[in-house]
N, C-alpha and C. Protein backbone atom coordinates (compact mmCIF):
# COMPACT_ATOMS: atom_id res chain seq x y z
N MET A 1 -10.62 9.78 5.14
CA MET A 1 -9.35 9.41 5.74
C MET A 1 -9.21 7.88 5.65
N SER A 2 -8.03 7.42 5.33
CA SER A 2 -7.82 5.98 5.17
C SER A 2 -7.61 5.31 6.54
N LEU A 3 -7.78 3.99 6.55
CA LEU A 3 -7.61 3.24 7.78
C LEU A 3 -6.20 3.39 8.32
N SER A 4 -5.20 3.32 7.46
CA SER A 4 -3.81 3.44 7.94
C SER A 4 -3.57 4.81 8.57
N GLN A 5 -4.18 5.85 8.04
CA GLN A 5 -4.04 7.18 8.63
C GLN A 5 -4.71 7.24 10.00
N LEU A 6 -5.87 6.63 10.11
CA LEU A 6 -6.58 6.62 11.39
C LEU A 6 -5.80 5.84 12.46
N LEU A 7 -5.08 4.82 12.02
CA LEU A 7 -4.32 3.99 12.97
C LEU A 7 -2.93 4.54 13.26
N GLN A 8 -2.51 5.54 12.51
CA GLN A 8 -1.17 6.10 12.67
C GLN A 8 -0.96 6.69 14.07
N GLU A 9 -1.93 7.45 14.55
CA GLU A 9 -1.83 8.06 15.88
C GLU A 9 -3.15 7.88 16.61
N PRO A 10 -3.37 6.70 17.20
CA PRO A 10 -4.62 6.46 17.91
C PRO A 10 -4.78 7.45 19.08
N PRO A 11 -5.99 7.81 19.41
CA PRO A 11 -6.24 8.83 20.43
C PRO A 11 -6.20 8.29 21.86
N TYR A 12 -5.08 7.72 22.27
CA TYR A 12 -5.00 7.12 23.59
C TYR A 12 -5.16 8.14 24.72
N GLU A 13 -4.63 9.33 24.54
CA GLU A 13 -4.63 10.33 25.60
C GLU A 13 -5.60 11.47 25.34
N PHE A 14 -6.63 11.26 24.56
CA PHE A 14 -7.57 12.31 24.18
C PHE A 14 -8.83 12.24 25.05
N GLU A 15 -9.67 13.23 24.87
CA GLU A 15 -10.97 13.25 25.54
C GLU A 15 -11.84 12.12 24.99
N GLN A 16 -12.80 11.70 25.78
CA GLN A 16 -13.65 10.57 25.40
C GLN A 16 -14.40 10.82 24.08
N GLN A 17 -14.85 12.04 23.86
CA GLN A 17 -15.59 12.32 22.62
C GLN A 17 -14.69 12.19 21.40
N ASP A 18 -13.41 12.54 21.53
CA ASP A 18 -12.47 12.38 20.42
C ASP A 18 -12.18 10.90 20.17
N LYS A 19 -12.08 10.14 21.25
CA LYS A 19 -11.87 8.69 21.12
C LYS A 19 -13.07 8.05 20.42
N GLN A 20 -14.26 8.48 20.79
CA GLN A 20 -15.46 7.92 20.19
C GLN A 20 -15.54 8.26 18.70
N ARG A 21 -15.19 9.47 18.35
CA ARG A 21 -15.21 9.90 16.95
C ARG A 21 -14.21 9.07 16.13
N ALA A 22 -13.01 8.87 16.69
CA ALA A 22 -12.00 8.06 16.00
C ALA A 22 -12.48 6.62 15.85
N TYR A 23 -13.07 6.08 16.91
CA TYR A 23 -13.60 4.71 16.87
C TYR A 23 -14.65 4.58 15.77
N GLU A 24 -15.55 5.53 15.70
CA GLU A 24 -16.60 5.49 14.68
C GLU A 24 -16.02 5.54 13.27
N GLN A 25 -14.99 6.36 13.07
CA GLN A 25 -14.36 6.45 11.76
C GLN A 25 -13.68 5.14 11.38
N VAL A 26 -13.01 4.53 12.35
CA VAL A 26 -12.36 3.24 12.08
C VAL A 26 -13.41 2.18 11.74
N MET A 27 -14.51 2.16 12.50
CA MET A 27 -15.56 1.17 12.24
C MET A 27 -16.17 1.35 10.85
N ILE A 28 -16.31 2.59 10.41
CA ILE A 28 -16.83 2.84 9.06
C ILE A 28 -15.87 2.28 8.02
N CYS A 29 -14.57 2.55 8.20
CA CYS A 29 -13.57 2.03 7.27
C CYS A 29 -13.59 0.50 7.23
N LEU A 30 -13.66 -0.12 8.40
CA LEU A 30 -13.67 -1.58 8.46
C LEU A 30 -14.92 -2.15 7.79
N SER A 31 -16.05 -1.53 8.04
CA SER A 31 -17.31 -2.00 7.47
C SER A 31 -17.35 -1.86 5.96
N ASP A 32 -16.76 -0.78 5.46
CA ASP A 32 -16.82 -0.48 4.03
C ASP A 32 -15.79 -1.23 3.19
N THR A 33 -14.86 -1.89 3.85
CA THR A 33 -13.79 -2.59 3.13
C THR A 33 -14.26 -3.96 2.66
N ALA A 34 -14.03 -4.24 1.41
CA ALA A 34 -14.37 -5.55 0.85
C ALA A 34 -13.49 -6.62 1.49
N ASP A 35 -14.07 -7.79 1.70
CA ASP A 35 -13.34 -8.88 2.35
C ASP A 35 -12.04 -9.22 1.63
N ASN A 36 -12.03 -9.14 0.30
CA ASN A 36 -10.82 -9.52 -0.45
C ASN A 36 -9.72 -8.45 -0.37
N LYS A 37 -9.98 -7.32 0.26
CA LYS A 37 -8.96 -6.27 0.43
C LYS A 37 -8.35 -6.26 1.83
N MET A 38 -8.91 -7.02 2.74
CA MET A 38 -8.47 -6.98 4.14
C MET A 38 -7.00 -7.37 4.29
N LYS A 39 -6.60 -8.44 3.65
CA LYS A 39 -5.23 -8.93 3.81
C LYS A 39 -4.23 -7.92 3.27
N GLU A 40 -4.52 -7.33 2.13
CA GLU A 40 -3.64 -6.32 1.55
C GLU A 40 -3.48 -5.14 2.51
N ILE A 41 -4.58 -4.70 3.08
CA ILE A 41 -4.53 -3.57 4.02
C ILE A 41 -3.71 -3.94 5.25
N CYS A 42 -3.96 -5.10 5.82
CA CYS A 42 -3.22 -5.53 7.01
C CYS A 42 -1.72 -5.66 6.73
N ASN A 43 -1.37 -6.15 5.55
CA ASN A 43 0.04 -6.28 5.17
C ASN A 43 0.74 -4.93 5.08
N ASN A 44 -0.01 -3.89 4.77
CA ASN A 44 0.58 -2.56 4.61
C ASN A 44 0.65 -1.76 5.90
N LEU A 45 0.18 -2.32 7.01
CA LEU A 45 0.25 -1.64 8.30
C LEU A 45 1.53 -2.03 9.03
N ASP A 46 2.10 -1.08 9.76
CA ASP A 46 3.26 -1.44 10.59
C ASP A 46 2.77 -2.09 11.89
N THR A 47 3.67 -2.54 12.71
CA THR A 47 3.32 -3.27 13.93
C THR A 47 2.44 -2.44 14.86
N ASP A 48 2.77 -1.17 15.06
CA ASP A 48 1.97 -0.32 15.93
C ASP A 48 0.55 -0.13 15.39
N GLN A 49 0.43 0.02 14.09
CA GLN A 49 -0.89 0.16 13.47
C GLN A 49 -1.68 -1.14 13.60
N GLN A 50 -1.01 -2.27 13.43
CA GLN A 50 -1.69 -3.56 13.59
C GLN A 50 -2.20 -3.72 15.02
N ASP A 51 -1.38 -3.33 15.99
CA ASP A 51 -1.80 -3.42 17.39
C ASP A 51 -2.99 -2.50 17.66
N ALA A 52 -2.95 -1.29 17.11
CA ALA A 52 -4.07 -0.35 17.28
C ALA A 52 -5.34 -0.92 16.65
N LEU A 53 -5.20 -1.52 15.48
CA LEU A 53 -6.36 -2.13 14.82
C LEU A 53 -6.93 -3.25 15.68
N MET A 54 -6.06 -4.05 16.28
CA MET A 54 -6.53 -5.14 17.14
C MET A 54 -7.31 -4.57 18.33
N ARG A 55 -6.83 -3.47 18.90
CA ARG A 55 -7.55 -2.83 20.00
C ARG A 55 -8.95 -2.39 19.57
N TYR A 56 -9.03 -1.78 18.38
CA TYR A 56 -10.33 -1.36 17.86
C TYR A 56 -11.23 -2.57 17.61
N LEU A 57 -10.67 -3.64 17.10
CA LEU A 57 -11.47 -4.85 16.86
C LEU A 57 -12.06 -5.38 18.16
N TYR A 58 -11.25 -5.44 19.20
CA TYR A 58 -11.74 -5.93 20.48
C TYR A 58 -12.79 -4.99 21.06
N LYS A 59 -12.60 -3.69 20.89
CA LYS A 59 -13.60 -2.74 21.38
C LYS A 59 -14.92 -2.93 20.63
N GLY A 60 -14.85 -3.09 19.32
CA GLY A 60 -16.05 -3.32 18.54
C GLY A 60 -16.73 -4.61 18.90
N LEU A 61 -15.96 -5.66 19.12
CA LEU A 61 -16.53 -6.95 19.51
C LEU A 61 -17.16 -6.85 20.90
N GLU A 62 -16.54 -6.09 21.78
CA GLU A 62 -17.10 -5.88 23.11
C GLU A 62 -18.47 -5.21 23.03
N LYS A 63 -18.61 -4.29 22.09
CA LYS A 63 -19.88 -3.57 21.91
C LYS A 63 -20.85 -4.34 21.02
N CYS A 64 -20.43 -5.48 20.50
CA CYS A 64 -21.25 -6.31 19.61
C CYS A 64 -21.71 -5.52 18.38
N GLU A 65 -20.81 -4.76 17.81
CA GLU A 65 -21.12 -3.98 16.61
C GLU A 65 -20.52 -4.65 15.39
N ASN A 66 -21.38 -5.09 14.47
CA ASN A 66 -20.94 -5.69 13.22
C ASN A 66 -19.94 -6.83 13.48
N SER A 67 -20.29 -7.71 14.40
CA SER A 67 -19.37 -8.75 14.87
C SER A 67 -18.86 -9.66 13.76
N LEU A 68 -19.70 -10.02 12.81
CA LEU A 68 -19.25 -10.91 11.74
C LEU A 68 -18.11 -10.29 10.96
N LYS A 69 -18.25 -9.03 10.59
CA LYS A 69 -17.20 -8.34 9.84
C LYS A 69 -15.94 -8.20 10.70
N LEU A 70 -16.12 -7.86 11.98
CA LEU A 70 -14.96 -7.69 12.86
C LEU A 70 -14.23 -9.02 13.08
N LEU A 71 -14.97 -10.11 13.15
CA LEU A 71 -14.32 -11.43 13.29
C LEU A 71 -13.53 -11.78 12.03
N LYS A 72 -14.04 -11.39 10.87
CA LYS A 72 -13.27 -11.60 9.63
C LYS A 72 -11.98 -10.80 9.68
N TRP A 73 -12.08 -9.53 10.09
CA TRP A 73 -10.88 -8.70 10.22
C TRP A 73 -9.90 -9.34 11.22
N HIS A 74 -10.42 -9.83 12.34
CA HIS A 74 -9.57 -10.43 13.37
C HIS A 74 -8.82 -11.63 12.80
N GLY A 75 -9.50 -12.45 12.04
CA GLY A 75 -8.86 -13.62 11.44
C GLY A 75 -7.75 -13.23 10.48
N VAL A 76 -8.01 -12.26 9.64
CA VAL A 76 -7.00 -11.80 8.68
C VAL A 76 -5.84 -11.13 9.40
N LEU A 77 -6.14 -10.26 10.34
CA LEU A 77 -5.06 -9.57 11.07
C LEU A 77 -4.22 -10.56 11.86
N SER A 78 -4.85 -11.55 12.48
CA SER A 78 -4.10 -12.57 13.22
C SER A 78 -3.19 -13.36 12.30
N GLU A 79 -3.66 -13.64 11.11
CA GLU A 79 -2.86 -14.37 10.12
C GLU A 79 -1.65 -13.54 9.69
N VAL A 80 -1.86 -12.27 9.45
CA VAL A 80 -0.79 -11.39 8.96
C VAL A 80 0.17 -11.00 10.08
N ALA A 81 -0.37 -10.58 11.22
CA ALA A 81 0.46 -10.03 12.31
C ALA A 81 0.94 -11.10 13.27
N GLY A 82 0.32 -12.26 13.25
CA GLY A 82 0.72 -13.33 14.14
C GLY A 82 0.09 -13.20 15.52
N LEU A 83 0.32 -14.22 16.31
CA LEU A 83 -0.25 -14.23 17.66
C LEU A 83 0.37 -13.17 18.56
N GLY A 84 1.55 -12.69 18.19
CA GLY A 84 2.19 -11.64 18.98
C GLY A 84 1.33 -10.40 19.09
N CYS A 85 0.62 -10.09 18.04
CA CYS A 85 -0.26 -8.91 18.03
C CYS A 85 -1.34 -9.08 19.10
N ILE A 86 -1.94 -10.24 19.15
CA ILE A 86 -2.97 -10.52 20.16
C ILE A 86 -2.37 -10.45 21.55
N MET A 87 -1.22 -11.07 21.72
CA MET A 87 -0.58 -11.12 23.04
C MET A 87 -0.19 -9.72 23.52
N ARG A 88 0.33 -8.90 22.63
CA ARG A 88 0.71 -7.53 23.04
C ARG A 88 -0.50 -6.75 23.52
N VAL A 89 -1.59 -6.87 22.80
CA VAL A 89 -2.79 -6.11 23.15
C VAL A 89 -3.42 -6.64 24.44
N MET A 90 -3.49 -7.95 24.58
CA MET A 90 -4.16 -8.54 25.74
C MET A 90 -3.33 -8.47 27.02
N SER A 91 -2.02 -8.41 26.89
CA SER A 91 -1.18 -8.48 28.10
C SER A 91 -0.47 -7.19 28.45
N GLU A 92 -0.85 -6.10 27.84
CA GLU A 92 -0.21 -4.83 28.16
C GLU A 92 -0.36 -4.50 29.64
N LYS A 93 0.73 -4.07 30.22
CA LYS A 93 0.66 -3.64 31.62
C LYS A 93 -0.05 -2.31 31.71
N ARG A 94 0.22 -1.43 30.80
CA ARG A 94 -0.44 -0.13 30.76
C ARG A 94 -1.49 -0.22 29.66
N LYS A 95 -2.72 -0.41 30.06
CA LYS A 95 -3.80 -0.56 29.09
C LYS A 95 -3.98 0.75 28.32
N ARG A 96 -3.95 0.63 27.02
CA ARG A 96 -4.20 1.79 26.16
C ARG A 96 -5.68 1.79 25.81
N VAL A 97 -6.35 2.75 26.32
CA VAL A 97 -7.79 2.81 26.13
C VAL A 97 -8.13 3.62 24.91
N LEU A 98 -8.94 3.04 24.06
CA LEU A 98 -9.41 3.74 22.87
C LEU A 98 -10.82 4.20 23.09
């Protein structure tokens, strides 16, 4: 499954095991992506997908999993999506838990 498909409908309202499975799949996609493909992928995501990706990045960074790769993704996504993406994720009144 591609990253864009995984981000299309994040499992916000699912059971914890389903959320964990989705998280693991996203982390595999992020880890397996070459650095020179990140920008192209981020450019092809819509705003909701970019926001979902940012949530996954923060969750991965919180768990200290593959932080170097996740920080690279964060830099590219921030460049493509702008600071609004960060602000939407960090300031949501209704926290969407992944």
